[in-house]
Amino acid sequence: MKKILIFAMTMTIAMASCQNKKPKAFDIDKNLAYCVTQANKTLAAAPDSLAIPRNIAPGAKTWNYVGYEDWTSGFWPGTLWYLYEYTGDSVLKKQADKYSRFLTPLSIRSATDHDLGFQVYCSFGNGLRLTQDKDYKNIILKTADTLATLFNPKVGTILSWPGMVKEKNWPHNTIIDNMINLEMLFEASKMGGSKSLYDMAVKHAETTMNNHFKKDYSVYHVVVYDTVTGKKIKGMTHQGYADNSMWARGQGWAIYGYTMVYRETKDPKFLDFAHKVTKVYLDRLPKDLIPYWDFDAPNLTKEPRDASAAALVASGLIELSTYTKDKALAKTYLDKAEAMLAELSSSRYQSGNANPSFLLHSTGHYPNKSEIDYSIIYADYYYVEALVRLKKLKSGKDILAPLQSNKAIVAKK
């Protein structure tokens, strides 16, 4: 009997000890240092020609490269700018500048699609935020004016894919991804550009809010409008499973996009909408918080994941938490974002020695059988952006301000 009592007491003490242990804190610096190491591997292996890393196939060791016209071309220089922001390393700054300037022709040619914001603002926009370089400012202003040529005032949105007008008979098509390009218009209007750029961005956000979402606030990837009347013809998918399914990255663009639009306008209707599009996403996530490529795909647990959507949403949630007055909800957003980053930072998702990217297991365009279970550059971009934002927030700093002052960077060298 005495032995049983001793055993019971021992187990009680052990269980109490386990319950009192705090969960291991997420190590932001460790994972940012990992990103620096991986980026340096990419820089060491990069070809002499100015080619931009885009993706790495499963099992492959090297990047597939693209030119400046590719829609993903801004993410690599943007990633380097974030790593320069973290380290103050002049070599990373030089490389970030070099790869950004490779995209300069985009500012002086006609718009071929909506991706100019992704391309130019992720690269030159981050560079301007950190350096105040006047060249960067001028390039952003020119590019914003170019993007504005795709705005149809009758519809109230920016045309996404001009090529699809004839190819698919989509008269005026707008995709949810286009929300991210609005940041460049907002910024350009603040830097001396036309106020009409601000007005276009707001109108685009309003029109998209009214037409792109179902009753549960899940998003259509594409909405097609009548060019002449401006009326909505239909909502549909292009990269998701079905027209009425919830494509994971598309919902991520909505979360990130409406959070940013609230930041730029301070209009409460956009903040309220950001909460609504976030709730449906968080409510349907699997336990590990990394979504399958589409929430409604068949045989869901056997479907590929999308680390890029997880990284994108983590970054958006960090910002959204700073605008959320309900302290419990703000904490939920931040806790979820940190948990997403912790999972992405595990051996299940970090590339490590497998290849020089940051993350594995992203899904690009599943219906087109393109980039399935790949490492993809925009996953890396939003992952490092989220890490830098989280570091700033934990330090009591504005997540959009430079992490270090120029004086601090100089002193560090």
Protein backbone atom coordinates (compact mmCIF):
# COMPACT_ATOMS: atom_id res chain seq x y z
CA MET A 1 0.00 0.00 0.00
CA LYS A 2 2.86 2.32 0.89
CA LYS A 3 4.49 1.65 -2.52
CA ILE A 4 1.25 2.56 -4.28
CA LEU A 5 1.00 5.82 -2.34
CA ILE A 6 4.62 6.73 -3.13
CA PHE A 7 4.08 5.97 -6.83
CA ALA A 8 0.91 8.07 -6.88
CA MET A 9 2.68 10.99 -5.21
CA THR A 10 5.58 10.72 -7.65
CA MET A 11 3.23 10.77 -10.65
CA THR A 12 1.32 13.75 -9.22
CA ILE A 13 4.55 15.73 -8.76
CA ALA A 14 5.73 14.80 -12.26
CA MET A 15 2.43 15.84 -13.84
CA ALA A 16 2.42 19.11 -11.92
CA SER A 17 5.97 19.77 -13.06
CA CYS A 18 4.99 19.20 -16.70
CA GLN A 19 1.98 21.48 -16.37
CA ASN A 20 4.12 24.25 -14.87
CA LYS A 21 6.64 24.13 -17.71
CA LYS A 22 6.19 27.05 -20.06
CA PRO A 23 6.11 26.25 -23.77
CA LYS A 24 9.42 26.93 -25.43
CA ALA A 25 9.52 30.50 -26.74
CA PHE A 26 9.66 30.91 -30.50
CA ASP A 27 13.20 31.98 -31.41
CA ILE A 28 12.79 34.74 -33.99
CA ASP A 29 16.50 35.53 -34.29
CA LYS A 30 17.44 31.90 -34.83
CA ASN A 31 15.06 31.66 -37.76
CA LEU A 32 16.07 35.00 -39.24
CA ALA A 33 19.71 33.88 -39.02
CA TYR A 34 18.67 30.71 -40.85
CA CYS A 35 17.16 32.86 -43.62
CA VAL A 36 20.43 34.81 -43.92
CA THR A 37 22.37 31.54 -44.28
CA GLN A 38 20.01 30.21 -46.94
CA ALA A 39 19.99 33.49 -48.88
CA ASN A 40 23.78 33.53 -48.92
CA LYS A 41 23.71 30.02 -50.43
CA THR A 42 21.49 31.35 -53.20
CA LEU A 43 23.73 34.37 -53.79
CA ALA A 44 26.82 32.16 -53.97
CA ALA A 45 25.24 29.91 -56.60
CA ALA A 46 23.45 32.60 -58.62
CA PRO A 47 24.38 32.89 -62.30
CA ASP A 48 26.36 35.90 -63.49
CA SER A 49 23.40 37.08 -65.53
CA LEU A 50 20.69 38.91 -63.62
CA ALA A 51 18.24 36.05 -63.24
CA ILE A 52 15.71 35.92 -60.41
CA PRO A 53 15.11 32.79 -58.29
CA ARG A 54 11.51 31.56 -58.62
CA ASN A 55 11.13 27.94 -57.51
CA ILE A 56 12.80 24.64 -56.68
CA ALA A 57 11.19 21.33 -57.60
CA PRO A 58 10.83 18.57 -54.99
CA GLY A 59 14.16 16.77 -54.65
CA ALA A 60 16.06 19.37 -56.68
CA LYS A 61 18.99 21.31 -55.24
CA THR A 62 18.98 24.47 -57.35
CA TRP A 63 16.63 27.31 -58.20
CA ASN A 64 14.78 27.72 -61.45
CA TYR A 65 15.35 31.32 -62.57
CA VAL A 66 13.16 33.86 -64.36
CA GLY A 67 13.59 37.29 -65.91
CA TYR A 68 12.35 40.64 -64.64
CA GLU A 69 9.02 40.31 -66.47
CA ASP A 70 7.91 37.33 -64.38
CA TRP A 71 5.22 38.22 -61.83
CA THR A 72 7.42 36.89 -59.00
CA SER A 73 10.48 38.97 -59.87
CA GLY A 74 10.11 41.42 -56.97
CA PHE A 75 10.13 38.84 -54.19
CA TRP A 76 13.84 37.95 -54.28
CA PRO A 77 15.12 41.55 -54.05
CA GLY A 78 12.42 42.19 -51.43
CA THR A 79 13.68 39.24 -49.41
CA LEU A 80 17.21 40.63 -49.56
CA TRP A 81 15.96 44.02 -48.37
CA TYR A 82 14.36 42.39 -45.32
CA LEU A 83 17.57 40.52 -44.55
CA TYR A 84 19.56 43.74 -44.91
CA GLU A 85 17.08 45.38 -42.55
CA TYR A 86 17.72 42.62 -40.00
CA THR A 87 21.50 42.42 -40.32
CA GLY A 88 22.68 45.82 -41.52
CA ASP A 89 25.00 43.86 -43.83
CA SER A 90 26.24 46.13 -46.64
CA VAL A 91 26.76 43.12 -48.94
CA LEU A 92 23.08 42.23 -48.67
CA LYS A 93 22.18 45.87 -49.31
CA LYS A 94 24.30 45.89 -52.45
CA GLN A 95 22.68 42.68 -53.71
CA ALA A 96 19.19 43.95 -52.88
CA ASP A 97 19.89 47.12 -54.86
CA LYS A 98 21.32 45.16 -57.79
CA TYR A 99 18.36 42.81 -58.11
CA SER A 100 15.87 45.66 -57.59
CA ARG A 101 17.40 47.75 -60.36
CA PHE A 102 17.11 44.77 -62.68
CA LEU A 103 13.35 45.48 -62.62
CA THR A 104 13.68 49.14 -63.69
CA PRO A 105 12.32 48.57 -67.24
CA LEU A 106 8.93 47.77 -65.72
CA SER A 107 8.56 51.47 -64.85
CA ILE A 108 8.99 52.73 -68.39
CA ARG A 109 6.91 50.37 -70.50
CA SER A 110 3.19 49.77 -70.99
CA ALA A 111 1.38 47.62 -68.45
CA THR A 112 0.93 44.04 -69.58
CA ASP A 113 -0.85 42.90 -66.39
CA HIS A 114 -1.60 43.92 -62.80
CA ASP A 115 1.50 42.45 -61.14
CA LEU A 116 3.49 45.70 -61.13
CA GLY A 117 2.82 46.16 -57.43
CA PHE A 118 4.21 42.74 -56.57
CA GLN A 119 7.21 43.34 -58.80
CA VAL A 120 8.13 46.93 -58.04
CA TYR A 121 6.75 47.63 -54.58
CA CYS A 122 8.12 44.46 -52.96
CA SER A 123 11.55 45.38 -54.34
CA PHE A 124 11.90 49.16 -54.70
CA GLY A 125 9.23 49.80 -52.07
CA ASN A 126 11.20 47.99 -49.39
CA GLY A 127 14.37 49.64 -50.61
CA LEU A 128 12.79 53.08 -50.34
CA ARG A 129 11.51 52.34 -46.83
CA LEU A 130 15.05 51.52 -45.70
CA THR A 131 17.19 53.97 -47.69
CA GLN A 132 14.99 56.87 -48.91
CA ASP A 133 16.79 56.60 -52.27
CA LYS A 134 15.25 59.15 -54.67
CA ASP A 135 15.77 56.84 -57.65
CA TYR A 136 13.57 54.25 -55.98
CA LYS A 137 10.91 56.86 -55.34
CA ASN A 138 10.86 57.96 -58.98
CA ILE A 139 10.61 54.38 -60.21
CA ILE A 140 7.66 53.71 -57.88
CA LEU A 141 5.89 56.88 -59.04
CA LYS A 142 6.33 55.97 -62.72
CA THR A 143 5.20 52.41 -62.15
CA ALA A 144 2.12 53.49 -60.21
CA ASP A 145 1.09 55.67 -63.14
CA THR A 146 1.59 52.68 -65.45
CA LEU A 147 -0.52 50.42 -63.25
CA ALA A 148 -3.24 53.07 -63.18
CA THR A 149 -3.72 52.70 -66.95
CA LEU A 150 -5.39 49.33 -66.26
CA PHE A 151 -8.09 50.90 -64.07
CA ASN A 152 -11.57 50.86 -65.60
CA PRO A 153 -13.68 53.61 -63.95
CA LYS A 154 -16.90 52.04 -65.24
CA VAL A 155 -16.13 48.80 -63.40
CA GLY A 156 -14.19 50.32 -60.52
CA THR A 157 -11.26 47.90 -60.54
CA ILE A 158 -7.86 47.36 -62.12
CA LEU A 159 -7.82 44.87 -64.98
CA SER A 160 -5.72 41.90 -63.90
CA TRP A 161 -4.99 39.91 -67.04
CA PRO A 162 -5.36 41.76 -70.36
CA GLY A 163 -4.38 38.57 -72.17
CA MET A 164 -7.43 36.75 -70.83
CA VAL A 165 -9.81 39.24 -72.46
CA LYS A 166 -9.46 37.41 -75.78
CA GLU A 167 -8.04 34.08 -74.66
CA LYS A 168 -10.85 33.25 -72.21
CA ASN A 169 -13.44 35.87 -73.18
CA TRP A 170 -13.15 37.58 -69.80
CA PRO A 171 -14.00 41.19 -70.80
CA HIS A 172 -12.73 42.87 -67.61
CA ASN A 173 -11.25 40.37 -65.16
CA THR A 174 -10.02 41.11 -61.65
CA ILE A 175 -8.35 38.58 -59.36
CA ILE A 176 -8.15 38.80 -55.59
CA ASP A 177 -4.33 38.88 -55.80
CA ASN A 178 -4.72 42.37 -57.27
CA MET A 179 -5.51 43.73 -53.79
CA ILE A 180 -1.81 43.61 -52.94
CA ASN A 181 -0.92 45.96 -55.81
CA LEU A 182 -2.99 48.73 -54.23
CA GLU A 183 -0.25 49.43 -51.69
CA MET A 184 1.93 50.92 -54.41
CA LEU A 185 -0.89 53.25 -55.50
CA PHE A 186 -1.46 54.40 -51.92
CA GLU A 187 2.23 55.02 -51.39
CA ALA A 188 2.68 56.85 -54.68
CA SER A 189 -0.19 59.20 -53.85
CA LYS A 190 1.56 60.08 -50.57
CA MET A 191 4.89 60.71 -52.32
CA GLY A 192 3.65 63.38 -54.69
CA GLY A 193 1.71 61.31 -57.18
CA SER A 194 -1.84 62.13 -58.22
CA LYS A 195 -4.61 61.87 -55.63
CA SER A 196 -6.45 59.86 -58.26
CA LEU A 197 -4.11 56.95 -57.43
CA TYR A 198 -5.50 56.92 -53.89
CA ASP A 199 -9.05 57.15 -55.19
CA MET A 200 -8.48 54.26 -57.61
CA ALA A 201 -7.09 52.06 -54.84
CA VAL A 202 -10.07 52.78 -52.56
CA LYS A 203 -12.57 52.19 -55.35
CA HIS A 204 -10.89 48.93 -56.31
CA ALA A 205 -11.04 47.73 -52.69
CA GLU A 206 -14.73 48.70 -52.38
CA THR A 207 -15.74 47.08 -55.68
CA THR A 208 -13.85 43.91 -54.81
CA MET A 209 -15.44 43.83 -51.35
CA ASN A 210 -18.90 44.04 -52.93
CA ASN A 211 -18.40 41.46 -55.67
CA HIS A 212 -15.62 39.03 -54.82
CA PHE A 213 -17.00 37.33 -51.73
CA LYS A 214 -19.61 34.68 -50.94
CA LYS A 215 -22.01 34.76 -48.00
CA ASP A 216 -19.47 33.10 -45.70
CA TYR A 217 -16.79 35.67 -46.73
CA SER A 218 -14.71 33.15 -48.64
CA VAL A 219 -13.34 34.65 -51.84
CA TYR A 220 -13.70 33.99 -55.54
CA HIS A 221 -10.32 33.96 -57.23
CA VAL A 222 -11.62 35.77 -60.33
CA VAL A 223 -14.55 38.06 -61.00
CA VAL A 224 -15.44 38.93 -64.59
CA TYR A 225 -17.20 42.23 -65.31
CA ASP A 226 -18.91 43.73 -68.33
CA THR A 227 -16.50 46.36 -69.65
CA VAL A 228 -19.23 48.71 -70.83
CA THR A 229 -21.83 48.51 -68.05
CA GLY A 230 -19.41 47.68 -65.25
CA LYS A 231 -21.74 44.98 -63.93
CA LYS A 232 -20.49 41.70 -62.50
CA ILE A 233 -20.91 38.78 -64.90
CA LYS A 234 -19.66 35.93 -62.71
CA GLY A 235 -17.32 34.84 -59.93
CA MET A 236 -15.06 31.87 -60.59
CA THR A 237 -11.74 30.22 -59.86
CA HIS A 238 -8.57 29.84 -61.87
CA GLN A 239 -6.08 28.40 -59.39
CA GLY A 240 -8.51 26.97 -56.83
CA TYR A 241 -10.36 23.64 -56.83
CA ALA A 242 -13.78 24.96 -57.88
CA ASP A 243 -15.63 28.22 -58.37
CA ASN A 244 -17.27 27.93 -54.94
CA SER A 245 -14.27 26.52 -53.05
CA MET A 246 -11.96 28.46 -50.76
CA TRP A 247 -8.54 28.60 -52.38
CA ALA A 248 -6.09 29.04 -49.52
CA ARG A 249 -3.75 31.63 -50.97
CA GLY A 250 -6.64 33.61 -52.42
CA GLN A 251 -8.14 33.97 -48.95
CA GLY A 252 -4.67 34.98 -47.77
CA TRP A 253 -4.52 37.78 -50.34
CA ALA A 254 -7.86 39.03 -48.98
CA ILE A 255 -6.69 38.97 -45.35
CA TYR A 256 -3.43 40.73 -46.13
CA GLY A 257 -4.99 43.11 -48.65
CA TYR A 258 -7.87 44.45 -46.55
CA THR A 259 -5.61 44.83 -43.53
CA MET A 260 -3.32 46.99 -45.65
CA VAL A 261 -6.22 49.00 -47.09
CA TYR A 262 -7.42 49.79 -43.57
CA ARG A 263 -3.92 50.95 -42.66
CA GLU A 264 -3.88 53.33 -45.62
CA THR A 265 -7.45 54.67 -45.31
CA LYS A 266 -8.35 54.21 -41.61
CA ASP A 267 -11.87 53.47 -42.87
CA PRO A 268 -13.47 51.10 -40.30
CA LYS A 269 -15.45 49.23 -42.96
CA PHE A 270 -12.18 47.79 -44.28
CA LEU A 271 -11.04 46.73 -40.82
CA ASP A 272 -14.39 45.07 -40.19
CA PHE A 273 -14.07 43.26 -43.50
CA ALA A 274 -10.53 42.14 -42.71
CA HIS A 275 -11.88 40.51 -39.53
CA LYS A 276 -14.61 38.73 -41.49
CA VAL A 277 -12.34 37.27 -44.18
CA THR A 278 -9.87 36.24 -41.48
CA LYS A 279 -12.45 34.40 -39.38
CA VAL A 280 -13.53 31.99 -42.09
CA TYR A 281 -9.89 31.15 -42.80
CA LEU A 282 -8.91 30.58 -39.17
CA ASP A 283 -12.08 28.60 -38.41
CA ARG A 284 -11.28 26.06 -41.12
CA LEU A 285 -7.54 25.58 -40.61
CA PRO A 286 -6.14 22.14 -39.72
CA LYS A 287 -4.60 21.79 -36.26
CA ASP A 288 -1.06 22.55 -37.43
CA LEU A 289 -2.31 25.85 -38.99
CA ILE A 290 -0.80 25.19 -42.44
CA PRO A 291 -3.62 25.05 -45.00
CA TYR A 292 -4.10 22.51 -47.72
CA TRP A 293 -3.92 24.25 -51.09
CA ASP A 294 -7.73 24.55 -51.19
CA PHE A 295 -10.01 24.14 -48.17
CA ASP A 296 -12.64 22.31 -50.25
CA ALA A 297 -10.45 20.00 -52.31
CA PRO A 298 -11.50 16.32 -52.21
CA ASN A 299 -9.67 13.83 -49.94
CA LEU A 300 -8.45 16.88 -48.08
CA THR A 301 -5.90 15.28 -45.76
CA LYS A 302 -4.14 13.81 -48.79
CA GLU A 303 -3.93 17.11 -50.65
CA PRO A 304 -0.69 19.15 -50.82
CA ARG A 305 -0.19 21.98 -48.34
CA ASP A 306 0.57 25.58 -49.19
CA ALA A 307 3.32 27.07 -47.03
CA SER A 308 3.12 30.27 -49.07
CA ALA A 309 -0.46 30.87 -47.91
CA ALA A 310 0.56 30.21 -44.31
CA ALA A 311 3.47 32.68 -44.48
CA LEU A 312 1.31 35.31 -46.18
CA VAL A 313 -1.45 35.01 -43.59
CA ALA A 314 1.01 35.01 -40.68
CA SER A 315 2.40 38.34 -41.88
CA GLY A 316 -1.08 39.76 -42.39
CA LEU A 317 -2.26 38.61 -38.95
CA ILE A 318 0.68 40.28 -37.24
CA GLU A 319 -0.33 43.60 -38.77
CA LEU A 320 -4.05 43.02 -38.18
CA SER A 321 -3.38 42.36 -34.49
CA THR A 322 -2.01 45.91 -34.14
CA TYR A 323 -5.30 47.45 -35.37
CA THR A 324 -7.60 45.19 -33.34
CA LYS A 325 -9.09 46.98 -30.31
CA ASP A 326 -10.49 43.78 -28.79
CA LYS A 327 -7.44 42.67 -26.78
CA ALA A 328 -8.48 39.02 -26.68
CA LEU A 329 -8.95 38.91 -30.45
CA ALA A 330 -5.68 40.78 -31.03
CA LYS A 331 -3.91 38.20 -28.87
CA THR A 332 -5.57 35.37 -30.80
CA TYR A 333 -4.31 36.81 -34.08
CA LEU A 334 -0.79 37.23 -32.76
CA ASP A 335 -0.72 33.80 -31.11
CA LYS A 336 -1.97 32.17 -34.31
CA ALA A 337 0.61 34.02 -36.41
CA GLU A 338 3.41 32.97 -34.09
CA ALA A 339 2.19 29.36 -34.10
CA MET A 340 2.08 29.41 -37.91
CA LEU A 341 5.65 30.69 -38.01
CA ALA A 342 6.73 28.08 -35.46
CA GLU A 343 5.35 25.30 -37.66
CA LEU A 344 6.90 26.79 -40.79
CA SER A 345 10.19 26.99 -38.88
CA SER A 346 10.11 23.30 -37.99
CA SER A 347 12.04 20.58 -39.83
CA ARG A 348 8.77 19.70 -41.55
CA TYR A 349 8.81 22.95 -43.54
CA GLN A 350 12.25 24.56 -43.46
CA SER A 351 14.37 23.54 -46.43
CA GLY A 352 17.61 23.26 -44.45
CA ASN A 353 20.16 21.28 -46.45
CA ALA A 354 17.58 20.03 -48.95
CA ASN A 355 17.92 23.19 -51.06
CA PRO A 356 18.84 26.88 -50.60
CA SER A 357 15.27 28.20 -50.25
CA PHE A 358 13.77 28.97 -46.85
CA LEU A 359 10.65 26.78 -47.05
CA LEU A 360 9.37 23.56 -48.57
CA HIS A 361 5.81 22.53 -49.49
CA SER A 362 4.16 25.40 -51.32
CA THR A 363 1.56 24.99 -54.05
CA GLY A 364 1.53 27.38 -56.99
CA HIS A 365 -1.13 26.50 -59.57
CA TYR A 366 -2.57 23.09 -58.75
CA PRO A 367 -5.19 22.86 -61.56
CA ASN A 368 -2.43 23.62 -64.06
CA LYS A 369 -0.18 20.98 -62.42
CA SER A 370 2.37 23.73 -61.84
CA GLU A 371 4.65 24.16 -58.79
CA ILE A 372 2.98 21.48 -56.66
CA ASP A 373 4.88 20.83 -53.41
CA TYR A 374 7.66 23.20 -54.52
CA SER A 375 9.82 25.71 -52.75
CA ILE A 376 8.54 29.05 -54.12
CA ILE A 377 10.12 32.47 -53.72
CA TYR A 378 7.01 34.29 -52.51
CA ALA A 379 6.67 31.83 -49.62
CA ASP A 380 10.18 32.83 -48.55
CA TYR A 381 9.37 36.53 -48.94
CA TYR A 382 6.30 36.51 -46.72
CA TYR A 383 8.01 34.20 -44.22
CA VAL A 384 10.91 36.60 -43.69
CA GLU A 385 8.56 39.59 -43.72
CA ALA A 386 6.48 37.96 -40.98
CA LEU A 387 9.60 37.17 -38.92
CA VAL A 388 10.85 40.76 -39.17
CA ARG A 389 7.40 42.12 -38.32
CA LEU A 390 7.14 39.82 -35.31
CA LYS A 391 10.58 40.87 -34.09
CA LYS A 392 9.59 44.54 -34.29
CA LEU A 393 6.29 43.95 -32.53
CA LYS A 394 7.94 42.01 -29.72
CA SER A 395 10.40 44.90 -29.35
CA GLY A 396 7.62 47.48 -29.11
CA LYS A 397 8.35 48.99 -32.54
CA ASP A 398 6.19 49.97 -35.50
CA ILE A 399 6.12 46.92 -37.77
CA LEU A 400 6.40 49.11 -40.88
CA ALA A 401 9.31 51.25 -39.69
CA PRO A 402 12.93 50.17 -40.27
CA LEU A 403 14.07 47.65 -37.68
CA GLN A 404 17.30 49.57 -37.11
CA SER A 405 18.14 53.22 -37.61
CA ASN A 406 20.89 54.03 -40.09
CA LYS A 407 23.07 55.03 -37.14
CA ALA A 408 22.56 51.61 -35.57
CA ILE A 409 23.47 49.90 -38.82
CA VAL A 410 26.64 51.94 -39.19
CA ALA A 411 27.62 51.26 -35.57
CA LYS A 412 27.10 47.54 -36.11
CA LYS A 413 29.71 47.31 -38.86
